[in-house]
């Protein structure tokens, strides 16, 4: 899935993009948490903790983003609702590009 990483030293946010038009859906903000560590880690320990939390935040955000996009069964791209068409001819739903390739109206 295409995404932009907007994470900072203080927390994590990701914007996932439609693979057709590029529209994005932003994840919630996940704060970097040093709770439970006294004193808070610094240096390499802080970096390792940040990397672990970054990986966990990405997995959570990517899982949530799956509900924002549809997977075209023809080309396999993840596309937003505006780029995905539910057909009423019984031949399956797909992205606008694949509908065009089949000679059907993508609107």
PDB file of N, CA and C in Angstrom:
ATOM      1  N   UNK A   1       0.849  -1.167   0.000  1.00  0.00           N
ATOM      2  CA  UNK A   1       0.000   0.000   0.000  1.00  0.00           C
ATOM      3  C   UNK A   1       0.898   1.235   0.000  1.00  0.00           C
ATOM      4  N   UNK A   2       0.585   2.219  -0.825  1.00  0.00           N
ATOM      5  CA  UNK A   2       1.369   3.438  -0.887  1.00  0.00           C
ATOM      6  C   UNK A   2       1.063   4.303   0.325  1.00  0.00           C
ATOM      7  N   UNK A   3       2.108   4.881   0.903  1.00  0.00           N
ATOM      8  CA  UNK A   3       1.893   5.729   2.074  1.00  0.00           C
ATOM      9  C   UNK A   3       2.995   6.769   2.204  1.00  0.00           C
ATOM     10  N   UNK A   4       2.697   7.786   2.999  1.00  0.00           N
ATOM     11  CA  UNK A   4       3.659   8.813   3.370  1.00  0.00           C
ATOM     12  C   UNK A   4       3.804   8.726   4.884  1.00  0.00           C
ATOM     13  N   UNK A   5       5.022   8.721   5.363  1.00  0.00           N
ATOM     14  CA  UNK A   5       5.300   8.624   6.792  1.00  0.00           C
ATOM     15  C   UNK A   5       5.484  10.040   7.349  1.00  0.00           C
ATOM     16  N   UNK A   6       4.582  10.474   8.219  1.00  0.00           N
ATOM     17  CA  UNK A   6       4.650  11.799   8.830  1.00  0.00           C
ATOM     18  C   UNK A   6       5.109  11.723  10.281  1.00  0.00           C
ATOM     19  N   UNK A   7       5.777  10.662  10.644  1.00  0.00           N
ATOM     20  CA  UNK A   7       6.225  10.465  12.018  1.00  0.00           C
ATOM     21  C   UNK A   7       7.269  11.506  12.406  1.00  0.00           C
ATOM     22  N   UNK A   8       7.281  11.818  13.690  1.00  0.00           N
ATOM     23  CA  UNK A   8       8.243  12.755  14.268  1.00  0.00           C
ATOM     24  C   UNK A   8       8.886  12.069  15.468  1.00  0.00           C
ATOM     25  N   UNK A   9       9.848  12.703  16.118  1.00  0.00           N
ATOM     26  CA  UNK A   9      10.404  12.106  17.335  1.00  0.00           C
ATOM     27  C   UNK A   9       9.365  11.932  18.447  1.00  0.00           C
ATOM     28  N   UNK A  10       8.251  12.659  18.357  1.00  0.00           N
ATOM     29  CA  UNK A  10       7.226  12.594  19.396  1.00  0.00           C
ATOM     30  C   UNK A  10       6.093  11.617  19.113  1.00  0.00           C
ATOM     31  N   UNK A  11       5.985  11.138  17.875  1.00  0.00           N
ATOM     32  CA  UNK A  11       4.879  10.237  17.573  1.00  0.00           C
ATOM     33  C   UNK A  11       4.820   9.839  16.119  1.00  0.00           C
ATOM     34  N   UNK A  12       3.723   9.164  15.780  1.00  0.00           N
ATOM     35  CA  UNK A  12       3.641   8.492  14.484  1.00  0.00           C
ATOM     36  C   UNK A  12       2.312   8.796  13.799  1.00  0.00           C
ATOM     37  N   UNK A  13       2.377   9.092  12.512  1.00  0.00           N
ATOM     38  CA  UNK A  13       1.183   9.264  11.677  1.00  0.00           C
ATOM     39  C   UNK A  13       1.576   8.869  10.259  1.00  0.00           C
ATOM     40  N   UNK A  14       0.630   8.265   9.574  1.00  0.00           N
ATOM     41  CA  UNK A  14       0.855   7.802   8.211  1.00  0.00           C
ATOM     42  C   UNK A  14      -0.331   8.232   7.358  1.00  0.00           C
ATOM     43  N   UNK A  15      -0.067   8.558   6.106  1.00  0.00           N
ATOM     44  CA  UNK A  15      -1.132   8.863   5.151  1.00  0.00           C
ATOM     45  C   UNK A  15      -1.049   7.804   4.062  1.00  0.00           C
ATOM     46  N   UNK A  16      -2.109   7.050   3.905  1.00  0.00           N
ATOM     47  CA  UNK A  16      -2.165   6.009   2.884  1.00  0.00           C
ATOM     48  C   UNK A  16      -2.839   6.590   1.651  1.00  0.00           C
ATOM     49  N   UNK A  17      -2.335   6.241   0.495  1.00  0.00           N
ATOM     50  CA  UNK A  17      -2.764   6.845  -0.762  1.00  0.00           C
ATOM     51  C   UNK A  17      -3.482   5.853  -1.673  1.00  0.00           C
ATOM     52  N   UNK A  18      -4.512   6.374  -2.349  1.00  0.00           N
ATOM     53  CA  UNK A  18      -5.189   5.619  -3.404  1.00  0.00           C
ATOM     54  C   UNK A  18      -4.176   5.373  -4.512  1.00  0.00           C
ATOM     55  N   UNK A  19      -4.105   4.167  -5.001  1.00  0.00           N
ATOM     56  CA  UNK A  19      -3.126   3.815  -6.027  1.00  0.00           C
ATOM     57  C   UNK A  19      -3.576   4.218  -7.425  1.00  0.00           C
ATOM     58  N   UNK A  20      -4.740   4.861  -7.511  1.00  0.00           N
ATOM     59  CA  UNK A  20      -5.211   5.357  -8.798  1.00  0.00           C
ATOM     60  C   UNK A  20      -5.116   6.874  -8.862  1.00  0.00           C
ATOM     61  N   UNK A  21      -5.748   7.575  -7.904  1.00  0.00           N
ATOM     62  CA  UNK A  21      -5.812   9.039  -7.959  1.00  0.00           C
ATOM     63  C   UNK A  21      -4.879   9.733  -6.973  1.00  0.00           C
ATOM     64  N   UNK A  22      -4.376   9.005  -5.980  1.00  0.00           N
ATOM     65  CA  UNK A  22      -3.457   9.590  -5.012  1.00  0.00           C
ATOM     66  C   UNK A  22      -4.109  10.229  -3.798  1.00  0.00           C
ATOM     67  N   UNK A  23      -5.442  10.261  -3.739  1.00  0.00           N
ATOM     68  CA  UNK A  23      -6.099  10.799  -2.550  1.00  0.00           C
ATOM     69  C   UNK A  23      -5.661  10.006  -1.323  1.00  0.00           C
ATOM     70  N   UNK A  24      -5.595  10.698  -0.189  1.00  0.00           N
ATOM     71  CA  UNK A  24      -5.071  10.045   0.995  1.00  0.00           C
ATOM     72  C   UNK A  24      -6.048   9.942   2.145  1.00  0.00           C
ATOM     73  N   UNK A  25      -5.762   9.016   3.023  1.00  0.00           N
ATOM     74  CA  UNK A  25      -6.487   8.826   4.272  1.00  0.00           C
ATOM     75  C   UNK A  25      -5.436   8.770   5.374  1.00  0.00           C
ATOM     76  N   UNK A  26      -5.503   9.733   6.303  1.00  0.00           N
ATOM     77  CA  UNK A  26      -4.508   9.816   7.369  1.00  0.00           C
ATOM     78  C   UNK A  26      -4.892   8.938   8.547  1.00  0.00           C
ATOM     79  N   UNK A  27      -3.897   8.331   9.143  1.00  0.00           N
ATOM     80  CA  UNK A  27      -4.119   7.559  10.358  1.00  0.00           C
ATOM     81  C   UNK A  27      -4.285   8.517  11.524  1.00  0.00           C
ATOM     82  N   UNK A  28      -4.704   7.985  12.634  1.00  0.00           N
ATOM     83  CA  UNK A  28      -4.716   8.805  13.837  1.00  0.00           C
ATOM     84  C   UNK A  28      -3.275   9.025  14.286  1.00  0.00           C
ATOM     85  N   UNK A  29      -3.083   9.924  15.240  1.00  0.00           N
ATOM     86  CA  UNK A  29      -1.760  10.212  15.785  1.00  0.00           C
ATOM     87  C   UNK A  29      -1.480   9.232  16.909  1.00  0.00           C
ATOM     88  N   UNK A  30      -0.355   8.553  16.842  1.00  0.00           N
ATOM     89  CA  UNK A  30       0.079   7.646  17.896  1.00  0.00           C
ATOM     90  C   UNK A  30       1.292   8.273  18.576  1.00  0.00           C
ATOM     91  N   UNK A  31       1.153   8.622  19.818  1.00  0.00           N
ATOM     92  CA  UNK A  31       2.245   9.289  20.543  1.00  0.00           C
ATOM     93  C   UNK A  31       3.349   8.290  20.885  1.00  0.00           C
ATOM     94  N   UNK A  32       4.584   8.758  20.777  1.00  0.00           N
ATOM     95  CA  UNK A  32       5.730   7.975  21.234  1.00  0.00           C
ATOM     96  C   UNK A  32       5.653   7.952  22.752  1.00  0.00           C
ATOM     97  N   UNK A  33       5.769   6.774  23.338  1.00  0.00           N
ATOM     98  CA  UNK A  33       5.525   6.607  24.759  1.00  0.00           C
ATOM     99  C   UNK A  33       6.764   6.044  25.459  1.00  0.00           C
ATOM    100  N   UNK A  34       7.247   6.807  26.425  1.00  0.00           N
ATOM    101  CA  UNK A  34       8.370   6.324  27.238  1.00  0.00           C
ATOM    102  C   UNK A  34       7.900   6.013  28.659  1.00  0.00           C
ATOM    103  N   UNK A  35       6.590   5.930  28.849  1.00  0.00           N
ATOM    104  CA  UNK A  35       6.041   5.625  30.177  1.00  0.00           C
ATOM    105  C   UNK A  35       6.562   4.272  30.647  1.00  0.00           C
ATOM    106  N   UNK A  36       6.772   4.187  31.923  1.00  0.00           N
ATOM    107  CA  UNK A  36       7.272   2.945  32.487  1.00  0.00           C
ATOM    108  C   UNK A  36       8.789   2.888  32.546  1.00  0.00           C
ATOM    109  N   UNK A  37       9.436   3.869  31.967  1.00  0.00           N
ATOM    110  CA  UNK A  37      10.896   3.926  31.997  1.00  0.00           C
ATOM    111  C   UNK A  37      11.316   5.105  32.871  1.00  0.00           C
ATOM    112  N   UNK A  38      12.050   4.820  33.912  1.00  0.00           N
ATOM    113  CA  UNK A  38      12.514   5.877  34.796  1.00  0.00           C
ATOM    114  C   UNK A  38      14.009   5.692  35.040  1.00  0.00           C
ATOM    115  N   UNK A  39      14.837   6.567  34.588  1.00  0.00           N
ATOM    116  CA  UNK A  39      14.521   7.735  33.780  1.00  0.00           C
ATOM    117  C   UNK A  39      14.194   7.319  32.344  1.00  0.00           C
ATOM    118  N   UNK A  40      13.556   8.232  31.574  1.00  0.00           N
ATOM    119  CA  UNK A  40      13.262   7.907  30.172  1.00  0.00           C
ATOM    120  C   UNK A  40      14.537   7.537  29.419  1.00  0.00           C
ATOM    121  N   UNK A  41      14.462   6.591  28.505  1.00  0.00           N
ATOM    122  CA  UNK A  41      15.661   6.181  27.772  1.00  0.00           C
ATOM    123  C   UNK A  41      16.199   7.304  26.898  1.00  0.00           C
ATOM    124  N   UNK A  42      17.475   7.254  26.642  1.00  0.00           N
ATOM    125  CA  UNK A  42      18.095   8.228  25.752  1.00  0.00           C
ATOM    126  C   UNK A  42      19.065   7.495  24.836  1.00  0.00           C
ATOM    127  N   UNK A  43      19.551   8.210  23.858  1.00  0.00           N
ATOM    128  CA  UNK A  43      20.538   7.640  22.950  1.00  0.00           C
ATOM    129  C   UNK A  43      20.019   6.434  22.184  1.00  0.00           C
ATOM    130  N   UNK A  44      20.839   5.402  22.112  1.00  0.00           N
ATOM    131  CA  UNK A  44      20.519   4.196  21.346  1.00  0.00           C
ATOM    132  C   UNK A  44      19.285   3.484  21.900  1.00  0.00           C
ATOM    133  N   UNK A  45      19.113   3.469  23.218  1.00  0.00           N
ATOM    134  CA  UNK A  45      17.943   2.815  23.818  1.00  0.00           C
ATOM    135  C   UNK A  45      16.664   3.509  23.378  1.00  0.00           C
ATOM    136  N   UNK A  46      16.671   4.848  23.369  1.00  0.00           N
ATOM    137  CA  UNK A  46      15.494   5.599  22.923  1.00  0.00           C
ATOM    138  C   UNK A  46      15.224   5.326  21.443  1.00  0.00           C
ATOM    139  N   UNK A  47      16.270   5.292  20.652  1.00  0.00           N
ATOM    140  CA  UNK A  47      16.122   5.025  19.212  1.00  0.00           C
ATOM    141  C   UNK A  47      15.502   3.651  18.973  1.00  0.00           C
ATOM    142  N   UNK A  48      15.961   2.654  19.688  1.00  0.00           N
ATOM    143  CA  UNK A  48      15.410   1.300  19.523  1.00  0.00           C
ATOM    144  C   UNK A  48      13.946   1.235  19.961  1.00  0.00           C
ATOM    145  N   UNK A  49      13.618   1.918  21.059  1.00  0.00           N
ATOM    146  CA  UNK A  49      12.229   1.958  21.521  1.00  0.00           C
ATOM    147  C   UNK A  49      11.352   2.672  20.506  1.00  0.00           C
ATOM    148  N   UNK A  50      11.845   3.788  19.950  1.00  0.00           N
ATOM    149  CA  UNK A  50      11.101   4.537  18.937  1.00  0.00           C
ATOM    150  C   UNK A  50      10.865   3.671  17.696  1.00  0.00           C
ATOM    151  N   UNK A  51      11.889   2.955  17.255  1.00  0.00           N
ATOM    152  CA  UNK A  51      11.756   2.095  16.073  1.00  0.00           C
ATOM    153  C   UNK A  51      10.737   0.984  16.301  1.00  0.00           C
ATOM    154  N   UNK A  52      10.747   0.400  17.488  1.00  0.00           N
ATOM    155  CA  UNK A  52       9.774  -0.651  17.795  1.00  0.00           C
ATOM    156  C   UNK A  52       8.354  -0.086  17.785  1.00  0.00           C
ATOM    157  N   UNK A  53       8.158   1.062  18.408  1.00  0.00           N
ATOM    158  CA  UNK A  53       6.828   1.673  18.432  1.00  0.00           C
ATOM    159  C   UNK A  53       6.404   2.153  17.050  1.00  0.00           C
ATOM    160  N   UNK A  54       7.357   2.608  16.247  1.00  0.00           N
ATOM    161  CA  UNK A  54       7.060   3.021  14.871  1.00  0.00           C
ATOM    162  C   UNK A  54       6.516   1.834  14.078  1.00  0.00           C
ATOM    163  N   UNK A  55       7.173   0.705  14.198  1.00  0.00           N
ATOM    164  CA  UNK A  55       6.737  -0.505  13.498  1.00  0.00           C
ATOM    165  C   UNK A  55       5.335  -0.917  13.947  1.00  0.00           C
ATOM    166  N   UNK A  56       5.076  -0.861  15.247  1.00  0.00           N
ATOM    167  CA  UNK A  56       3.756  -1.215  15.780  1.00  0.00           C
ATOM    168  C   UNK A  56       2.693  -0.220  15.314  1.00  0.00           C
ATOM    169  N   UNK A  57       3.023   1.069  15.323  1.00  0.00           N
ATOM    170  CA  UNK A  57       2.074   2.094  14.880  1.00  0.00           C
ATOM    171  C   UNK A  57       1.759   1.933  13.399  1.00  0.00           C
ATOM    172  N   UNK A  58       2.775   1.635  12.588  1.00  0.00           N
ATOM    173  CA  UNK A  58       2.536   1.421  11.158  1.00  0.00           C
ATOM    174  C   UNK A  58       1.598   0.237  10.947  1.00  0.00           C
ATOM    175  N   UNK A  59       1.837  -0.855  11.642  1.00  0.00           N
ATOM    176  CA  UNK A  59       0.986  -2.045  11.491  1.00  0.00           C
ATOM    177  C   UNK A  59      -0.458  -1.723  11.864  1.00  0.00           C
ATOM    178  N   UNK A  60      -0.648  -0.985  12.942  1.00  0.00           N
ATOM    179  CA  UNK A  60      -1.989  -0.603  13.374  1.00  0.00           C
ATOM    180  C   UNK A  60      -2.652   0.310  12.335  1.00  0.00           C
ATOM    181  N   UNK A  61      -1.918   1.309  11.873  1.00  0.00           N
ATOM    182  CA  UNK A  61      -2.448   2.261  10.899  1.00  0.00           C
ATOM    183  C   UNK A  61      -2.755   1.582   9.570  1.00  0.00           C
ATOM    184  N   UNK A  62      -1.891   0.690   9.136  1.00  0.00           N
ATOM    185  CA  UNK A  62      -2.114  -0.011   7.869  1.00  0.00           C
ATOM    186  C   UNK A  62      -3.340  -0.907   7.963  1.00  0.00           C
ATOM    187  N   UNK A  63      -3.526  -1.529   9.092  1.00  0.00           N
ATOM    188  CA  UNK A  63      -4.699  -2.371   9.305  1.00  0.00           C
ATOM    189  C   UNK A  63      -5.974  -1.533   9.255  1.00  0.00           C
ATOM    190  N   UNK A  64      -5.944  -0.369   9.873  1.00  0.00           N
ATOM    191  CA  UNK A  64      -7.111   0.517   9.841  1.00  0.00           C
ATOM    192  C   UNK A  64      -7.361   1.058   8.433  1.00  0.00           C
ATOM    193  N   UNK A  65      -6.307   1.350   7.682  1.00  0.00           N
ATOM    194  CA  UNK A  65      -6.449   1.912   6.336  1.00  0.00           C
ATOM    195  C   UNK A  65      -7.088   0.920   5.369  1.00  0.00           C
ATOM    196  N   UNK A  66      -6.978  -0.343   5.646  1.00  0.00           N
ATOM    197  CA  UNK A  66      -7.585  -1.343   4.768  1.00  0.00           C
ATOM    198  C   UNK A  66      -9.094  -1.144   4.650  1.00  0.00           C
ATOM    199  N   UNK A  67      -9.699  -0.543   5.672  1.00  0.00           N
ATOM    200  CA  UNK A  67     -11.139  -0.282   5.633  1.00  0.00           C
ATOM    201  C   UNK A  67     -11.478   0.964   4.817  1.00  0.00           C
ATOM    202  N   UNK A  68     -10.480   1.776   4.497  1.00  0.00           N
ATOM    203  CA  UNK A  68     -10.691   3.006   3.737  1.00  0.00           C
ATOM    204  C   UNK A  68     -10.588   2.785   2.225  1.00  0.00           C
ATOM    205  N   UNK A  69     -10.015   1.665   1.829  1.00  0.00           N
ATOM    206  CA  UNK A  69      -9.766   1.419   0.414  1.00  0.00           C
ATOM    207  C   UNK A  69     -10.363   0.081  -0.026  1.00  0.00           C
ATOM    208  N   UNK A  70     -10.627  -0.016  -1.314  1.00  0.00           N
ATOM    209  CA  UNK A  70     -11.113  -1.257  -1.917  1.00  0.00           C
ATOM    210  C   UNK A  70      -9.978  -1.857  -2.736  1.00  0.00           C
ATOM    211  N   UNK A  71      -9.951  -3.154  -2.826  1.00  0.00           N
ATOM    212  CA  UNK A  71      -8.962  -3.826  -3.664  1.00  0.00           C
ATOM    213  C   UNK A  71      -9.656  -4.230  -4.955  1.00  0.00           C
ATOM    214  N   UNK A  72      -9.146  -3.724  -6.077  1.00  0.00           N
ATOM    215  CA  UNK A  72      -9.714  -4.087  -7.370  1.00  0.00           C
ATOM    216  C   UNK A  72      -9.355  -5.545  -7.655  1.00  0.00           C
ATOM    217  N   UNK A  73     -10.359  -6.390  -7.909  1.00  0.00           N
ATOM    218  CA  UNK A  73     -10.064  -7.797  -8.156  1.00  0.00           C
ATOM    219  C   UNK A  73      -9.380  -8.055  -9.497  1.00  0.00           C
ATOM    220  N   UNK A  74      -9.368  -7.070 -10.373  1.00  0.00           N
ATOM    221  CA  UNK A  74      -8.746  -7.249 -11.687  1.00  0.00           C
ATOM    222  C   UNK A  74      -7.262  -6.877 -11.646  1.00  0.00           C
ATOM    223  N   UNK A  75      -6.961  -5.653 -11.203  1.00  0.00           N
ATOM    224  CA  UNK A  75      -5.563  -5.189 -11.216  1.00  0.00           C
ATOM    225  C   UNK A  75      -4.878  -5.298  -9.862  1.00  0.00           C
ATOM    226  N   UNK A  76      -5.639  -5.472  -8.774  1.00  0.00           N
ATOM    227  CA  UNK A  76      -5.068  -5.647  -7.448  1.00  0.00           C
ATOM    228  C   UNK A  76      -4.683  -4.368  -6.736  1.00  0.00           C
ATOM    229  N   UNK A  77      -4.946  -3.205  -7.348  1.00  0.00           N
ATOM    230  CA  UNK A  77      -4.599  -1.945  -6.695  1.00  0.00           C
ATOM    231  C   UNK A  77      -5.589  -1.628  -5.578  1.00  0.00           C
ATOM    232  N   UNK A  78      -5.102  -0.903  -4.558  1.00  0.00           N
ATOM    233  CA  UNK A  78      -5.973  -0.399  -3.485  1.00  0.00           C
ATOM    234  C   UNK A  78      -6.417   0.995  -3.912  1.00  0.00           C
ATOM    235  N   UNK A  79      -7.725   1.162  -4.049  1.00  0.00           N
ATOM    236  CA  UNK A  79      -8.263   2.427  -4.542  1.00  0.00           C
ATOM    237  C   UNK A  79      -9.340   2.959  -3.599  1.00  0.00           C
ATOM    238  N   UNK A  80      -9.503   4.289  -3.615  1.00  0.00           N
ATOM    239  CA  UNK A  80     -10.503   4.939  -2.766  1.00  0.00           C
ATOM    240  C   UNK A  80     -11.908   4.676  -3.313  1.00  0.00           C
ATOM    241  N   UNK A  81     -12.897   5.064  -2.549  1.00  0.00           N
ATOM    242  CA  UNK A  81     -14.285   4.866  -2.956  1.00  0.00           C
ATOM    243  C   UNK A  81     -14.637   5.587  -4.239  1.00  0.00           C
ATOM    244  N   UNK A  82     -14.012   6.744  -4.493  1.00  0.00           N
ATOM    245  CA  UNK A  82     -14.278   7.484  -5.718  1.00  0.00           C
ATOM    246  C   UNK A  82     -13.720   6.816  -6.965  1.00  0.00           C
ATOM    247  N   UNK A  83     -12.723   5.976  -6.807  1.00  0.00           N
ATOM    248  CA  UNK A  83     -12.093   5.292  -7.940  1.00  0.00           C
ATOM    249  C   UNK A  83     -12.582   3.857  -8.092  1.00  0.00           C
ATOM    250  N   UNK A  84     -13.477   3.449  -7.230  1.00  0.00           N
ATOM    251  CA  UNK A  84     -13.987   2.072  -7.254  1.00  0.00           C
ATOM    252  C   UNK A  84     -15.458   2.124  -7.618  1.00  0.00           C
ATOM    253  N   UNK A  85     -15.884   1.272  -8.489  1.00  0.00           N
ATOM    254  CA  UNK A  85     -17.268   1.261  -8.921  1.00  0.00           C
ATOM    255  C   UNK A  85     -17.919  -0.070  -8.617  1.00  0.00           C
ATOM    256  N   UNK A  86     -19.070   0.028  -7.995  1.00  0.00           N
ATOM    257  CA  UNK A  86     -19.896  -1.147  -7.752  1.00  0.00           C
ATOM    258  C   UNK A  86     -20.795  -1.277  -8.972  1.00  0.00           C
ATOM    259  N   UNK A  87     -20.658  -2.370  -9.683  1.00  0.00           N
ATOM    260  CA  UNK A  87     -21.439  -2.554 -10.909  1.00  0.00           C
ATOM    261  C   UNK A  87     -22.762  -3.245 -10.600  1.00  0.00           C
ATOM    262  N   UNK A  88     -23.741  -2.975 -11.426  1.00  0.00           N
ATOM    263  CA  UNK A  88     -25.030  -3.629 -11.228  1.00  0.00           C
ATOM    264  C   UNK A  88     -25.358  -4.583 -12.372  1.00  0.00           C
ATOM    265  N   UNK A  89     -24.329  -4.960 -13.125  1.00  0.00           N
ATOM    266  CA  UNK A  89     -24.576  -5.902 -14.223  1.00  0.00           C
ATOM    267  C   UNK A  89     -24.198  -7.331 -13.847  1.00  0.00           C
ATOM    268  N   UNK A  90     -23.804  -7.534 -12.581  1.00  0.00           N
ATOM    269  CA  UNK A  90     -23.489  -8.884 -12.125  1.00  0.00           C
ATOM    270  C   UNK A  90     -22.116  -9.388 -12.522  1.00  0.00           C
ATOM    271  N   UNK A  91     -21.299  -8.544 -13.150  1.00  0.00           N
ATOM    272  CA  UNK A  91     -19.987  -9.002 -13.602  1.00  0.00           C
ATOM    273  C   UNK A  91     -18.863  -8.581 -12.676  1.00  0.00           C
ATOM    274  N   UNK A  92     -19.184  -8.041 -11.536  1.00  0.00           N
ATOM    275  CA  UNK A  92     -18.160  -7.725 -10.549  1.00  0.00           C
ATOM    276  C   UNK A  92     -17.828  -6.256 -10.436  1.00  0.00           C
ATOM    277  N   UNK A  93     -17.379  -5.893  -9.266  1.00  0.00           N
ATOM    278  CA  UNK A  93     -16.984  -4.526  -8.978  1.00  0.00           C
ATOM    279  C   UNK A  93     -15.494  -4.386  -9.256  1.00  0.00           C
ATOM    280  N   UNK A  94     -15.068  -3.192  -9.692  1.00  0.00           N
ATOM    281  CA  UNK A  94     -13.658  -2.972 -10.006  1.00  0.00           C
ATOM    282  C   UNK A  94     -13.362  -1.490 -10.093  1.00  0.00           C
ATOM    283  N   UNK A  95     -12.092  -1.162 -10.244  1.00  0.00           N
ATOM    284  CA  UNK A  95     -11.699   0.248 -10.336  1.00  0.00           C
ATOM    285  C   UNK A  95     -12.114   0.820 -11.692  1.00  0.00           C
ATOM    286  N   UNK A  96     -12.142   2.130 -11.749  1.00  0.00           N
ATOM    287  CA  UNK A  96     -12.564   2.813 -12.980  1.00  0.00           C
ATOM    288  C   UNK A  96     -11.703   2.441 -14.184  1.00  0.00           C
ATOM    289  N   UNK A  97     -10.387   2.299 -13.976  1.00  0.00           N
ATOM    290  CA  UNK A  97      -9.508   1.968 -15.100  1.00  0.00           C
ATOM    291  C   UNK A  97      -9.834   0.602 -15.691  1.00  0.00           C
ATOM    292  N   UNK A  98     -10.095  -0.368 -14.816  1.00  0.00           N
ATOM    293  CA  UNK A  98     -10.418  -1.705 -15.307  1.00  0.00           C
ATOM    294  C   UNK A  98     -11.787  -1.739 -15.982  1.00  0.00           C
ATOM    295  N   UNK A  99     -12.725  -0.920 -15.485  1.00  0.00           N
ATOM    296  CA  UNK A  99     -14.021  -0.817 -16.156  1.00  0.00           C
ATOM    297  C   UNK A  99     -13.842  -0.269 -17.566  1.00  0.00           C
ATOM    298  N   UNK A 100     -12.990   0.765 -17.716  1.00  0.00           N
ATOM    299  CA  UNK A 100     -12.721   1.344 -19.039  1.00  0.00           C
ATOM    300  C   UNK A 100     -12.113   0.308 -19.971  1.00  0.00           C
ATOM    301  N   UNK A 101     -11.164  -0.482 -19.442  1.00  0.00           N
ATOM    302  CA  UNK A 101     -10.505  -1.492 -20.268  1.00  0.00           C
ATOM    303  C   UNK A 101     -11.489  -2.547 -20.756  1.00  0.00           C
ATOM    304  N   UNK A 102     -12.525  -2.783 -19.980  1.00  0.00           N
ATOM    305  CA  UNK A 102     -13.548  -3.740 -20.393  1.00  0.00           C
ATOM    306  C   UNK A 102     -14.606  -3.111 -21.284  1.00  0.00           C
ATOM    307  N   UNK A 103     -14.450  -1.812 -21.544  1.00  0.00           N
ATOM    308  CA  UNK A 103     -15.396  -1.133 -22.413  1.00  0.00           C
ATOM    309  C   UNK A 103     -16.705  -0.758 -21.744  1.00  0.00           C
ATOM    310  N   UNK A 104     -16.675  -0.693 -20.413  1.00  0.00           N
ATOM    311  CA  UNK A 104     -17.887  -0.311 -19.695  1.00  0.00           C
ATOM    312  C   UNK A 104     -17.740   1.124 -19.181  1.00  0.00           C
ATOM    313  N   UNK A 105     -18.845   1.761 -18.906  1.00  0.00           N
ATOM    314  CA  UNK A 105     -18.846   3.138 -18.435  1.00  0.00           C
ATOM    315  C   UNK A 105     -18.357   3.199 -16.991  1.00  0.00           C
ATOM    316  N   UNK A 106     -17.245   3.914 -16.727  1.00  0.00           N
ATOM    317  CA  UNK A 106     -16.701   3.969 -15.366  1.00  0.00           C
ATOM    318  C   UNK A 106     -17.420   4.951 -14.443  1.00  0.00           C
ATOM    319  N   UNK A 107     -18.398   5.686 -14.945  1.00  0.00           N
ATOM    320  CA  UNK A 107     -19.095   6.687 -14.119  1.00  0.00           C
ATOM    321  C   UNK A 107     -20.142   6.071 -13.218  1.00  0.00           C
TER     322      UNK A 107
END
